[in-house]
Amino acid sequence: MSNSAHAVPEAAATLQVPVETPTPKVFACARQRLAELGRDEALWDHAVTREDVQHGVLETGDFPEDNISGFRLHLQHDPAKGAVALRLRGAGAYFVDQGVDAGLKEFQAGFSACLASP
């Protein structure tokens, strides 16, 4: 059976943050929010598997892989543009959507609140 025949459910959004927001702050807020969500919901229970401050990339749960259940996040921060691009994958058995649209909104709420704090 080929995995290429299946599409992993995914949601995406781009958030605006103040220009020159430091990438370590963005990553700290993402880690904080992921920890909060992981305590409350097993779908979020994936460790950070990639953290590249130089390129502004943070990923959880082996994001590029198709056949992994639960929510996995890809975050790309561009400090010069003041943008944080988010992609959330959320497949279950047989690539059933685990609610990626609602999951991304749930992540964004706490993440944005953290970024807005001094």
PDB file of N, CA and C in Angstrom:
ATOM      1  N   MET A   1       0.852  -1.174   0.000  1.00  0.00           N
ATOM      2  CA  MET A   1       0.000   0.000   0.000  1.00  0.00           C
ATOM      3  C   MET A   1       0.898   1.238   0.000  1.00  0.00           C
ATOM      4  N   SER A   2       0.567   2.175  -0.807  1.00  0.00           N
ATOM      5  CA  SER A   2       1.379   3.391  -0.927  1.00  0.00           C
ATOM      6  C   SER A   2       0.796   4.505  -0.073  1.00  0.00           C
ATOM      7  N   ASN A   3       1.664   5.193   0.691  1.00  0.00           N
ATOM      8  CA  ASN A   3       1.221   6.339   1.481  1.00  0.00           C
ATOM      9  C   ASN A   3       0.888   7.539   0.604  1.00  0.00           C
ATOM     10  N   SER A   4       1.396   7.559  -0.631  1.00  0.00           N
ATOM     11  CA  SER A   4       1.173   8.721  -1.488  1.00  0.00           C
ATOM     12  C   SER A   4      -0.286   8.880  -1.894  1.00  0.00           C
ATOM     13  N   ALA A   5      -1.090   7.836  -1.728  1.00  0.00           N
ATOM     14  CA  ALA A   5      -2.498   7.919  -2.100  1.00  0.00           C
ATOM     15  C   ALA A   5      -3.327   8.649  -1.044  1.00  0.00           C
ATOM     16  N   HIS A   6      -2.733   8.951   0.107  1.00  0.00           N
ATOM     17  CA  HIS A   6      -3.460   9.574   1.200  1.00  0.00           C
ATOM     18  C   HIS A   6      -2.992  11.012   1.409  1.00  0.00           C
ATOM     19  N   ALA A   7      -3.916  11.856   1.737  1.00  0.00           N
ATOM     20  CA  ALA A   7      -3.584  13.245   2.059  1.00  0.00           C
ATOM     21  C   ALA A   7      -3.718  13.428   3.564  1.00  0.00           C
ATOM     22  N   VAL A   8      -2.675  13.965   4.165  1.00  0.00           N
ATOM     23  CA  VAL A   8      -2.700  14.226   5.600  1.00  0.00           C
ATOM     24  C   VAL A   8      -3.490  15.510   5.831  1.00  0.00           C
ATOM     25  N   PRO A   9      -4.515  15.492   6.673  1.00  0.00           N
ATOM     26  CA  PRO A   9      -5.276  16.707   6.961  1.00  0.00           C
ATOM     27  C   PRO A   9      -4.347  17.795   7.512  1.00  0.00           C
ATOM     28  N   GLU A  10      -4.490  18.999   6.983  1.00  0.00           N
ATOM     29  CA  GLU A  10      -3.607  20.094   7.371  1.00  0.00           C
ATOM     30  C   GLU A  10      -4.352  21.423   7.331  1.00  0.00           C
ATOM     31  N   ALA A  11      -4.043  22.274   8.302  1.00  0.00           N
ATOM     32  CA  ALA A  11      -4.561  23.644   8.333  1.00  0.00           C
ATOM     33  C   ALA A  11      -3.367  24.588   8.394  1.00  0.00           C
ATOM     34  N   ALA A  12      -3.543  25.797   7.866  1.00  0.00           N
ATOM     35  CA  ALA A  12      -2.443  26.762   7.837  1.00  0.00           C
ATOM     36  C   ALA A  12      -2.960  28.163   8.142  1.00  0.00           C
ATOM     37  N   ALA A  13      -2.077  28.964   8.701  1.00  0.00           N
ATOM     38  CA  ALA A  13      -2.398  30.368   8.994  1.00  0.00           C
ATOM     39  C   ALA A  13      -1.085  31.135   9.102  1.00  0.00           C
ATOM     40  N   THR A  14      -1.175  32.432   8.882  1.00  0.00           N
ATOM     41  CA  THR A  14      -0.021  33.309   9.093  1.00  0.00           C
ATOM     42  C   THR A  14      -0.433  34.392  10.072  1.00  0.00           C
ATOM     43  N   LEU A  15       0.350  34.533  11.131  1.00  0.00           N
ATOM     44  CA  LEU A  15       0.105  35.544  12.153  1.00  0.00           C
ATOM     45  C   LEU A  15       1.082  36.690  11.989  1.00  0.00           C
ATOM     46  N   GLN A  16       0.601  37.891  12.221  1.00  0.00           N
ATOM     47  CA  GLN A  16       1.482  39.058  12.212  1.00  0.00           C
ATOM     48  C   GLN A  16       1.941  39.320  13.644  1.00  0.00           C
ATOM     49  N   VAL A  17       3.234  39.530  13.805  1.00  0.00           N
ATOM     50  CA  VAL A  17       3.826  39.876  15.088  1.00  0.00           C
ATOM     51  C   VAL A  17       4.670  41.124  14.860  1.00  0.00           C
ATOM     52  N   PRO A  18       5.014  41.838  15.915  1.00  0.00           N
ATOM     53  CA  PRO A  18       5.862  43.015  15.707  1.00  0.00           C
ATOM     54  C   PRO A  18       7.150  42.650  14.970  1.00  0.00           C
ATOM     55  N   VAL A  19       7.516  43.489  14.012  1.00  0.00           N
ATOM     56  CA  VAL A  19       8.755  43.282  13.260  1.00  0.00           C
ATOM     57  C   VAL A  19       9.910  43.218  14.246  1.00  0.00           C
ATOM     58  N   GLU A  20      10.844  42.334  13.941  1.00  0.00           N
ATOM     59  CA  GLU A  20      12.043  42.109  14.761  1.00  0.00           C
ATOM     60  C   GLU A  20      11.749  41.432  16.103  1.00  0.00           C
ATOM     61  N   THR A  21      10.574  40.826  16.262  1.00  0.00           N
ATOM     62  CA  THR A  21      10.346  39.991  17.439  1.00  0.00           C
ATOM     63  C   THR A  21      11.401  38.890  17.406  1.00  0.00           C
ATOM     64  N   PRO A  22      12.124  38.683  18.490  1.00  0.00           N
ATOM     65  CA  PRO A  22      13.188  37.675  18.473  1.00  0.00           C
ATOM     66  C   PRO A  22      12.643  36.254  18.292  1.00  0.00           C
ATOM     67  N   THR A  23      13.287  35.500  17.433  1.00  0.00           N
ATOM     68  CA  THR A  23      12.876  34.117  17.197  1.00  0.00           C
ATOM     69  C   THR A  23      12.876  33.293  18.481  1.00  0.00           C
ATOM     70  N   PRO A  24      13.862  33.439  19.384  1.00  0.00           N
ATOM     71  CA  PRO A  24      13.787  32.668  20.625  1.00  0.00           C
ATOM     72  C   PRO A  24      12.506  32.936  21.431  1.00  0.00           C
ATOM     73  N   LYS A  25      11.995  34.161  21.386  1.00  0.00           N
ATOM     74  CA  LYS A  25      10.731  34.449  22.080  1.00  0.00           C
ATOM     75  C   LYS A  25       9.572  33.719  21.394  1.00  0.00           C
ATOM     76  N   VAL A  26       9.555  33.732  20.074  1.00  0.00           N
ATOM     77  CA  VAL A  26       8.511  33.029  19.316  1.00  0.00           C
ATOM     78  C   VAL A  26       8.548  31.539  19.666  1.00  0.00           C
ATOM     79  N   PHE A  27       9.741  30.965  19.686  1.00  0.00           N
ATOM     80  CA  PHE A  27       9.880  29.545  19.997  1.00  0.00           C
ATOM     81  C   PHE A  27       9.470  29.254  21.440  1.00  0.00           C
ATOM     82  N   ALA A  28       9.833  30.128  22.365  1.00  0.00           N
ATOM     83  CA  ALA A  28       9.460  29.928  23.777  1.00  0.00           C
ATOM     84  C   ALA A  28       7.940  29.941  23.930  1.00  0.00           C
ATOM     85  N   CYS A  29       7.266  30.860  23.247  1.00  0.00           N
ATOM     86  CA  CYS A  29       5.804  30.914  23.314  1.00  0.00           C
ATOM     87  C   CYS A  29       5.181  29.671  22.687  1.00  0.00           C
ATOM     88  N   ALA A  30       5.758  29.201  21.584  1.00  0.00           N
ATOM     89  CA  ALA A  30       5.243  27.988  20.945  1.00  0.00           C
ATOM     90  C   ALA A  30       5.413  26.791  21.880  1.00  0.00           C
ATOM     91  N   ARG A  31       6.586  26.663  22.490  1.00  0.00           N
ATOM     92  CA  ARG A  31       6.823  25.551  23.414  1.00  0.00           C
ATOM     93  C   ARG A  31       5.866  25.614  24.612  1.00  0.00           C
ATOM     94  N   GLN A  32       5.655  26.818  25.131  1.00  0.00           N
ATOM     95  CA  GLN A  32       4.746  26.986  26.266  1.00  0.00           C
ATOM     96  C   GLN A  32       3.336  26.541  25.889  1.00  0.00           C
ATOM     97  N   ARG A  33       2.870  26.997  24.740  1.00  0.00           N
ATOM     98  CA  ARG A  33       1.510  26.653  24.309  1.00  0.00           C
ATOM     99  C   ARG A  33       1.387  25.157  24.031  1.00  0.00           C
ATOM    100  N   LEU A  34       2.392  24.589  23.394  1.00  0.00           N
ATOM    101  CA  LEU A  34       2.370  23.154  23.116  1.00  0.00           C
ATOM    102  C   LEU A  34       2.340  22.339  24.406  1.00  0.00           C
ATOM    103  N   ALA A  35       3.087  22.774  25.409  1.00  0.00           N
ATOM    104  CA  ALA A  35       3.098  22.075  26.700  1.00  0.00           C
ATOM    105  C   ALA A  35       1.723  22.147  27.352  1.00  0.00           C
ATOM    106  N   GLU A  36       1.095  23.338  27.298  1.00  0.00           N
ATOM    107  CA  GLU A  36      -0.251  23.492  27.867  1.00  0.00           C
ATOM    108  C   GLU A  36      -1.236  22.558  27.182  1.00  0.00           C
ATOM    109  N   LEU A  37      -1.217  22.544  25.866  1.00  0.00           N
ATOM    110  CA  LEU A  37      -2.150  21.714  25.110  1.00  0.00           C
ATOM    111  C   LEU A  37      -1.862  20.230  25.322  1.00  0.00           C
ATOM    112  N   GLY A  38      -0.586  19.862  25.404  1.00  0.00           N
ATOM    113  CA  GLY A  38      -0.204  18.469  25.605  1.00  0.00           C
ATOM    114  C   GLY A  38      -0.634  17.914  26.949  1.00  0.00           C
ATOM    115  N   ARG A  39      -0.704  18.796  27.960  1.00  0.00           N
ATOM    116  CA  ARG A  39      -1.173  18.348  29.278  1.00  0.00           C
ATOM    117  C   ARG A  39      -2.668  18.023  29.250  1.00  0.00           C
ATOM    118  N   ASP A  40      -3.405  18.738  28.422  1.00  0.00           N
ATOM    119  CA  ASP A  40      -4.863  18.596  28.401  1.00  0.00           C
ATOM    120  C   ASP A  40      -5.390  17.646  27.333  1.00  0.00           C
ATOM    121  N   GLU A  41      -4.610  17.387  26.301  1.00  0.00           N
ATOM    122  CA  GLU A  41      -5.119  16.632  25.158  1.00  0.00           C
ATOM    123  C   GLU A  41      -4.012  15.767  24.555  1.00  0.00           C
ATOM    124  N   ALA A  42      -4.247  14.466  24.498  1.00  0.00           N
ATOM    125  CA  ALA A  42      -3.244  13.521  23.993  1.00  0.00           C
ATOM    126  C   ALA A  42      -2.867  13.778  22.534  1.00  0.00           C
ATOM    127  N   LEU A  43      -3.770  14.357  21.748  1.00  0.00           N
ATOM    128  CA  LEU A  43      -3.450  14.632  20.343  1.00  0.00           C
ATOM    129  C   LEU A  43      -2.259  15.586  20.196  1.00  0.00           C
ATOM    130  N   TRP A  44      -2.019  16.414  21.209  1.00  0.00           N
ATOM    131  CA  TRP A  44      -0.927  17.393  21.162  1.00  0.00           C
ATOM    132  C   TRP A  44       0.367  16.859  21.763  1.00  0.00           C
ATOM    133  N   ASP A  45       0.387  15.630  22.181  1.00  0.00           N
ATOM    134  CA  ASP A  45       1.527  15.094  22.914  1.00  0.00           C
ATOM    135  C   ASP A  45       2.664  14.682  21.982  1.00  0.00           C
ATOM    136  N   HIS A  46       3.285  15.649  21.338  1.00  0.00           N
ATOM    137  CA  HIS A  46       4.454  15.410  20.492  1.00  0.00           C
ATOM    138  C   HIS A  46       5.558  16.378  20.885  1.00  0.00           C
ATOM    139  N   ALA A  47       6.743  15.839  21.032  1.00  0.00           N
ATOM    140  CA  ALA A  47       7.900  16.663  21.387  1.00  0.00           C
ATOM    141  C   ALA A  47       8.374  17.476  20.186  1.00  0.00           C
ATOM    142  N   VAL A  48       9.111  18.534  20.468  1.00  0.00           N
ATOM    143  CA  VAL A  48       9.755  19.306  19.408  1.00  0.00           C
ATOM    144  C   VAL A  48      10.848  18.421  18.810  1.00  0.00           C
ATOM    145  N   THR A  49      10.797  18.234  17.500  1.00  0.00           N
ATOM    146  CA  THR A  49      11.767  17.378  16.819  1.00  0.00           C
ATOM    147  C   THR A  49      12.710  18.157  15.920  1.00  0.00           C
ATOM    148  N   ARG A  50      12.409  19.435  15.723  1.00  0.00           N
ATOM    149  CA  ARG A  50      13.298  20.300  14.936  1.00  0.00           C
ATOM    150  C   ARG A  50      13.187  21.713  15.486  1.00  0.00           C
ATOM    151  N   GLU A  51      14.339  22.309  15.771  1.00  0.00           N
ATOM    152  CA  GLU A  51      14.374  23.695  16.220  1.00  0.00           C
ATOM    153  C   GLU A  51      15.603  24.350  15.601  1.00  0.00           C
ATOM    154  N   ASP A  52      15.363  25.215  14.632  1.00  0.00           N
ATOM    155  CA  ASP A  52      16.427  25.878  13.886  1.00  0.00           C
ATOM    156  C   ASP A  52      16.219  27.388  14.014  1.00  0.00           C
ATOM    157  N   VAL A  53      16.880  27.987  15.007  1.00  0.00           N
ATOM    158  CA  VAL A  53      16.709  29.422  15.270  1.00  0.00           C
ATOM    159  C   VAL A  53      17.190  30.243  14.088  1.00  0.00           C
ATOM    160  N   GLN A  54      18.295  29.846  13.473  1.00  0.00           N
ATOM    161  CA  GLN A  54      18.851  30.605  12.354  1.00  0.00           C
ATOM    162  C   GLN A  54      17.859  30.745  11.196  1.00  0.00           C
ATOM    163  N   HIS A  55      17.107  29.681  10.915  1.00  0.00           N
ATOM    164  CA  HIS A  55      16.136  29.713   9.821  1.00  0.00           C
ATOM    165  C   HIS A  55      14.705  29.925  10.303  1.00  0.00           C
ATOM    166  N   GLY A  56      14.519  30.050  11.621  1.00  0.00           N
ATOM    167  CA  GLY A  56      13.202  30.336  12.179  1.00  0.00           C
ATOM    168  C   GLY A  56      12.209  29.202  12.090  1.00  0.00           C
ATOM    169  N   VAL A  57      12.687  27.955  12.138  1.00  0.00           N
ATOM    170  CA  VAL A  57      11.809  26.802  11.967  1.00  0.00           C
ATOM    171  C   VAL A  57      11.741  25.988  13.254  1.00  0.00           C
ATOM    172  N   LEU A  58      10.511  25.668  13.658  1.00  0.00           N
ATOM    173  CA  LEU A  58      10.258  24.772  14.782  1.00  0.00           C
ATOM    174  C   LEU A  58       9.221  23.764  14.326  1.00  0.00           C
ATOM    175  N   GLU A  59       9.471  22.487  14.606  1.00  0.00           N
ATOM    176  CA  GLU A  59       8.526  21.434  14.242  1.00  0.00           C
ATOM    177  C   GLU A  59       8.356  20.466  15.400  1.00  0.00           C
ATOM    178  N   THR A  60       7.189  19.833  15.424  1.00  0.00           N
ATOM    179  CA  THR A  60       6.923  18.794  16.417  1.00  0.00           C
ATOM    180  C   THR A  60       6.550  17.500  15.710  1.00  0.00           C
ATOM    181  N   GLY A  61       6.769  16.400  16.412  1.00  0.00           N
ATOM    182  CA  GLY A  61       6.264  15.097  15.984  1.00  0.00           C
ATOM    183  C   GLY A  61       6.683  14.639  14.614  1.00  0.00           C
ATOM    184  N   ASP A  62       7.921  14.856  14.212  1.00  0.00           N
ATOM    185  CA  ASP A  62       8.372  14.438  12.879  1.00  0.00           C
ATOM    186  C   ASP A  62       7.395  14.930  11.814  1.00  0.00           C
ATOM    187  N   PHE A  63       7.199  16.230  11.775  1.00  0.00           N
ATOM    188  CA  PHE A  63       6.195  16.874  10.928  1.00  0.00           C
ATOM    189  C   PHE A  63       6.156  16.366   9.484  1.00  0.00           C
ATOM    190  N   PRO A  64       7.291  16.177   8.816  1.00  0.00           N
ATOM    191  CA  PRO A  64       7.219  15.778   7.399  1.00  0.00           C
ATOM    192  C   PRO A  64       6.637  14.390   7.146  1.00  0.00           C
ATOM    193  N   GLU A  65       6.645  13.537   8.153  1.00  0.00           N
ATOM    194  CA  GLU A  65       6.146  12.173   7.968  1.00  0.00           C
ATOM    195  C   GLU A  65       4.620  12.159   7.830  1.00  0.00           C
ATOM    196  N   ASP A  66       4.126  11.286   6.970  1.00  0.00           N
ATOM    197  CA  ASP A  66       2.683  11.202   6.731  1.00  0.00           C
ATOM    198  C   ASP A  66       1.959  10.326   7.751  1.00  0.00           C
ATOM    199  N   ASN A  67       2.540   9.205   8.103  1.00  0.00           N
ATOM    200  CA  ASN A  67       1.822   8.186   8.854  1.00  0.00           C
ATOM    201  C   ASN A  67       2.062   8.311  10.365  1.00  0.00           C
ATOM    202  N   ILE A  68       1.713   9.469  10.925  1.00  0.00           N
ATOM    203  CA  ILE A  68       1.836   9.719  12.362  1.00  0.00           C
ATOM    204  C   ILE A  68       0.508  10.299  12.830  1.00  0.00           C
ATOM    205  N   SER A  69      -0.032   9.748  13.912  1.00  0.00           N
ATOM    206  CA  SER A  69      -1.309  10.257  14.405  1.00  0.00           C
ATOM    207  C   SER A  69      -1.088  11.407  15.382  1.00  0.00           C
ATOM    208  N   GLY A  70      -2.119  12.191  15.572  1.00  0.00           N
ATOM    209  CA  GLY A  70      -2.051  13.335  16.475  1.00  0.00           C
ATOM    210  C   GLY A  70      -1.656  14.597  15.737  1.00  0.00           C
ATOM    211  N   PHE A  71      -1.632  15.701  16.483  1.00  0.00           N
ATOM    212  CA  PHE A  71      -1.292  17.004  15.908  1.00  0.00           C
ATOM    213  C   PHE A  71       0.214  17.189  15.859  1.00  0.00           C
ATOM    214  N   ARG A  72       0.690  17.692  14.723  1.00  0.00           N
ATOM    215  CA  ARG A  72       2.099  18.057  14.551  1.00  0.00           C
ATOM    216  C   ARG A  72       2.152  19.442  13.945  1.00  0.00           C
ATOM    217  N   LEU A  73       3.023  20.262  14.489  1.00  0.00           N
ATOM    218  CA  LEU A  73       3.093  21.672  14.115  1.00  0.00           C
ATOM    219  C   LEU A  73       4.383  21.981  13.370  1.00  0.00           C
ATOM    220  N   HIS A  74       4.264  22.811  12.338  1.00  0.00           N
ATOM    221  CA  HIS A  74       5.413  23.412  11.657  1.00  0.00           C
ATOM    222  C   HIS A  74       5.240  24.918  11.793  1.00  0.00           C
ATOM    223  N   LEU A  75       6.235  25.574  12.359  1.00  0.00           N
ATOM    224  CA  LEU A  75       6.202  27.018  12.562  1.00  0.00           C
ATOM    225  C   LEU A  75       7.399  27.616  11.833  1.00  0.00           C
ATOM    226  N   GLN A  76       7.164  28.680  11.057  1.00  0.00           N
ATOM    227  CA  GLN A  76       8.231  29.381  10.332  1.00  0.00           C
ATOM    228  C   GLN A  76       8.141  30.854  10.690  1.00  0.00           C
ATOM    229  N   HIS A  77       9.168  31.384  11.367  1.00  0.00           N
ATOM    230  CA  HIS A  77       9.174  32.780  11.792  1.00  0.00           C
ATOM    231  C   HIS A  77      10.076  33.597  10.877  1.00  0.00           C
ATOM    232  N   ASP A  78       9.554  34.706  10.392  1.00  0.00           N
ATOM    233  CA  ASP A  78      10.334  35.654   9.589  1.00  0.00           C
ATOM    234  C   ASP A  78      10.350  36.977  10.344  1.00  0.00           C
ATOM    235  N   PRO A  79      11.408  37.241  11.138  1.00  0.00           N
ATOM    236  CA  PRO A  79      11.427  38.451  11.967  1.00  0.00           C
ATOM    237  C   PRO A  79      11.428  39.742  11.154  1.00  0.00           C
ATOM    238  N   ALA A  80      12.007  39.742   9.970  1.00  0.00           N
ATOM    239  CA  ALA A  80      12.050  40.954   9.153  1.00  0.00           C
ATOM    240  C   ALA A  80      10.662  41.363   8.664  1.00  0.00           C
ATOM    241  N   LYS A  81       9.807  40.382   8.399  1.00  0.00           N
ATOM    242  CA  LYS A  81       8.443  40.659   7.930  1.00  0.00           C
ATOM    243  C   LYS A  81       7.428  40.684   9.063  1.00  0.00           C
ATOM    244  N   GLY A  82       7.851  40.261  10.260  1.00  0.00           N
ATOM    245  CA  GLY A  82       6.907  40.196  11.374  1.00  0.00           C
ATOM    246  C   GLY A  82       5.828  39.166  11.130  1.00  0.00           C
ATOM    247  N   ALA A  83       6.231  38.006  10.599  1.00  0.00           N
ATOM    248  CA  ALA A  83       5.252  36.974  10.252  1.00  0.00           C
ATOM    249  C   ALA A  83       5.635  35.638  10.870  1.00  0.00           C
ATOM    250  N   VAL A  84       4.611  34.919  11.314  1.00  0.00           N
ATOM    251  CA  VAL A  84       4.781  33.554  11.792  1.00  0.00           C
ATOM    252  C   VAL A  84       3.804  32.685  11.008  1.00  0.00           C
ATOM    253  N   ALA A  85       4.345  31.842  10.144  1.00  0.00           N
ATOM    254  CA  ALA A  85       3.517  30.922   9.362  1.00  0.00           C
ATOM    255  C   ALA A  85       3.365  29.629  10.145  1.00  0.00           C
ATOM    256  N   LEU A  86       2.140  29.168  10.265  1.00  0.00           N
ATOM    257  CA  LEU A  86       1.830  27.951  11.013  1.00  0.00           C
ATOM    258  C   LEU A  86       1.177  26.934  10.089  1.00  0.00           C
ATOM    259  N   ARG A  87       1.584  25.681  10.239  1.00  0.00           N
ATOM    260  CA  ARG A  87       0.924  24.559   9.567  1.00  0.00           C
ATOM    261  C   ARG A  87       0.700  23.493  10.624  1.00  0.00           C
ATOM    262  N   LEU A  88      -0.502  22.985  10.693  1.00  0.00           N
ATOM    263  CA  LEU A  88      -0.837  21.943  11.648  1.00  0.00           C
ATOM    264  C   LEU A  88      -1.363  20.732  10.900  1.00  0.00           C
ATOM    265  N   ARG A  89      -0.710  19.607  11.120  1.00  0.00           N
ATOM    266  CA  ARG A  89      -1.171  18.336  10.566  1.00  0.00           C
ATOM    267  C   ARG A  89      -1.842  17.562  11.681  1.00  0.00           C
ATOM    268  N   GLY A  90      -2.899  16.832  11.343  1.00  0.00           N
ATOM    269  CA  GLY A  90      -3.615  16.082  12.367  1.00  0.00           C
ATOM    270  C   GLY A  90      -4.339  14.883  11.813  1.00  0.00           C
ATOM    271  N   ALA A  91      -3.598  13.822  11.550  1.00  0.00           N
ATOM    272  CA  ALA A  91      -4.195  12.609  11.011  1.00  0.00           C
ATOM    273  C   ALA A  91      -4.408  11.574  12.094  1.00  0.00           C
ATOM    274  N   GLY A  92      -5.472  10.833  11.938  1.00  0.00           N
ATOM    275  CA  GLY A  92      -5.724   9.681  12.787  1.00  0.00           C
ATOM    276  C   GLY A  92      -5.638   8.432  11.941  1.00  0.00           C
ATOM    277  N   ALA A  93      -6.203   7.358  12.422  1.00  0.00           N
ATOM    278  CA  ALA A  93      -6.231   6.121  11.654  1.00  0.00           C
ATOM    279  C   ALA A  93      -6.897   6.369  10.305  1.00  0.00           C
ATOM    280  N   TYR A  94      -6.335   5.785   9.268  1.00  0.00           N
ATOM    281  CA  TYR A  94      -6.858   5.928   7.902  1.00  0.00           C
ATOM    282  C   TYR A  94      -6.906   7.393   7.457  1.00  0.00           C
ATOM    283  N   PHE A  95      -6.014   8.205   8.002  1.00  0.00           N
ATOM    284  CA  PHE A  95      -5.873   9.622   7.638  1.00  0.00           C
ATOM    285  C   PHE A  95      -7.144  10.432   7.912  1.00  0.00           C
ATOM    286  N   VAL A  96      -7.879  10.049   8.941  1.00  0.00           N
ATOM    287  CA  VAL A  96      -9.071  10.795   9.349  1.00  0.00           C
ATOM    288  C   VAL A  96      -8.628  12.113   9.980  1.00  0.00           C
ATOM    289  N   ASP A  97      -9.287  13.187   9.599  1.00  0.00           N
ATOM    290  CA  ASP A  97      -8.982  14.513  10.144  1.00  0.00           C
ATOM    291  C   ASP A  97      -9.291  14.544  11.637  1.00  0.00           C
ATOM    292  N   GLN A  98      -8.305  14.925  12.439  1.00  0.00           N
ATOM    293  CA  GLN A  98      -8.474  15.001  13.892  1.00  0.00           C
ATOM    294  C   GLN A  98      -8.987  16.374  14.342  1.00  0.00           C
ATOM    295  N   GLY A  99      -9.362  17.216  13.390  1.00  0.00           N
ATOM    296  CA  GLY A  99      -9.880  18.546  13.723  1.00  0.00           C
ATOM    297  C   GLY A  99      -8.806  19.605  13.617  1.00  0.00           C
ATOM    298  N   VAL A 100      -8.080  19.623  12.490  1.00  0.00           N
ATOM    299  CA  VAL A 100      -6.944  20.534  12.346  1.00  0.00           C
ATOM    300  C   VAL A 100      -7.344  22.008  12.367  1.00  0.00           C
ATOM    301  N   ASP A 101      -8.485  22.349  11.799  1.00  0.00           N
ATOM    302  CA  ASP A 101      -8.896  23.761  11.800  1.00  0.00           C
ATOM    303  C   ASP A 101      -9.130  24.255  13.222  1.00  0.00           C
ATOM    304  N   ALA A 102      -9.879  23.489  13.998  1.00  0.00           N
ATOM    305  CA  ALA A 102     -10.131  23.864  15.392  1.00  0.00           C
ATOM    306  C   ALA A 102      -8.852  23.790  16.212  1.00  0.00           C
ATOM    307  N   GLY A 103      -8.015  22.799  15.943  1.00  0.00           N
ATOM    308  CA  GLY A 103      -6.752  22.662  16.665  1.00  0.00           C
ATOM    309  C   GLY A 103      -5.830  23.834  16.434  1.00  0.00           C
ATOM    310  N   LEU A 104      -5.765  24.312  15.192  1.00  0.00           N
ATOM    311  CA  LEU A 104      -4.899  25.454  14.895  1.00  0.00           C
ATOM    312  C   LEU A 104      -5.409  26.711  15.602  1.00  0.00           C
ATOM    313  N   LYS A 105      -6.712  26.896  15.608  1.00  0.00           N
ATOM    314  CA  LYS A 105      -7.281  28.048  16.323  1.00  0.00           C
ATOM    315  C   LYS A 105      -6.984  27.964  17.817  1.00  0.00           C
ATOM    316  N   GLU A 106      -7.068  26.753  18.364  1.00  0.00           N
ATOM    317  CA  GLU A 106      -6.775  26.553  19.784  1.00  0.00           C
ATOM    318  C   GLU A 106      -5.310  26.876  20.089  1.00  0.00           C
ATOM    319  N   PHE A 107      -4.415  26.451  19.212  1.00  0.00           N
ATOM    320  CA  PHE A 107      -2.999  26.770  19.396  1.00  0.00           C
ATOM    321  C   PHE A 107      -2.780  28.280  19.313  1.00  0.00           C
ATOM    322  N   GLN A 108      -3.347  28.901  18.284  1.00  0.00           N
ATOM    323  CA  GLN A 108      -3.155  30.331  18.045  1.00  0.00           C
ATOM    324  C   GLN A 108      -3.587  31.186  19.230  1.00  0.00           C
ATOM    325  N   ALA A 109      -4.666  30.827  19.884  1.00  0.00           N
ATOM    326  CA  ALA A 109      -5.193  31.647  20.980  1.00  0.00           C
ATOM    327  C   ALA A 109      -4.147  31.841  22.075  1.00  0.00           C
ATOM    328  N   GLY A 110      -3.618  30.777  22.606  1.00  0.00           N
ATOM    329  CA  GLY A 110      -2.620  30.887  23.673  1.00  0.00           C
ATOM    330  C   GLY A 110      -1.278  31.378  23.179  1.00  0.00           C
ATOM    331  N   PHE A 111      -0.914  31.015  21.955  1.00  0.00           N
ATOM    332  CA  PHE A 111       0.347  31.447  21.364  1.00  0.00           C
ATOM    333  C   PHE A 111       0.365  32.956  21.180  1.00  0.00           C
ATOM    334  N   SER A 112      -0.701  33.501  20.615  1.00  0.00           N
ATOM    335  CA  SER A 112      -0.786  34.955  20.400  1.00  0.00           C
ATOM    336  C   SER A 112      -0.777  35.723  21.721  1.00  0.00           C
ATOM    337  N   ALA A 113      -1.468  35.175  22.722  1.00  0.00           N
ATOM    338  CA  ALA A 113      -1.489  35.829  24.035  1.00  0.00           C
ATOM    339  C   ALA A 113      -0.085  35.876  24.629  1.00  0.00           C
ATOM    340  N   CYS A 114       0.667  34.808  24.483  1.00  0.00           N
ATOM    341  CA  CYS A 114       2.048  34.778  24.986  1.00  0.00           C
ATOM    342  C   CYS A 114       2.911  35.802  24.247  1.00  0.00           C
ATOM    343  N   LEU A 115       2.792  35.876  22.947  1.00  0.00           N
ATOM    344  CA  LEU A 115       3.597  36.824  22.163  1.00  0.00           C
ATOM    345  C   LEU A 115       3.277  38.269  22.507  1.00  0.00           C
ATOM    346  N   ALA A 116       2.028  38.534  22.895  1.00  0.00           N
ATOM    347  CA  ALA A 116       1.611  39.900  23.228  1.00  0.00           C
ATOM    348  C   ALA A 116       2.106  40.333  24.611  1.00  0.00           C
ATOM    349  N   SER A 117       2.486  39.362  25.442  1.00  0.00           N
ATOM    350  CA  SER A 117       2.951  39.721  26.791  1.00  0.00           C
ATOM    351  C   SER A 117       4.378  40.256  26.736  1.00  0.00           C
ATOM    352  N   PRO A 118       4.706  41.162  27.656  1.00  0.00           N
ATOM    353  CA  PRO A 118       6.065  41.752  27.641  1.00  0.00           C
ATOM    354  C   PRO A 118       7.157  40.768  27.992  1.00  0.00           C
TER     355      PRO A 118
END
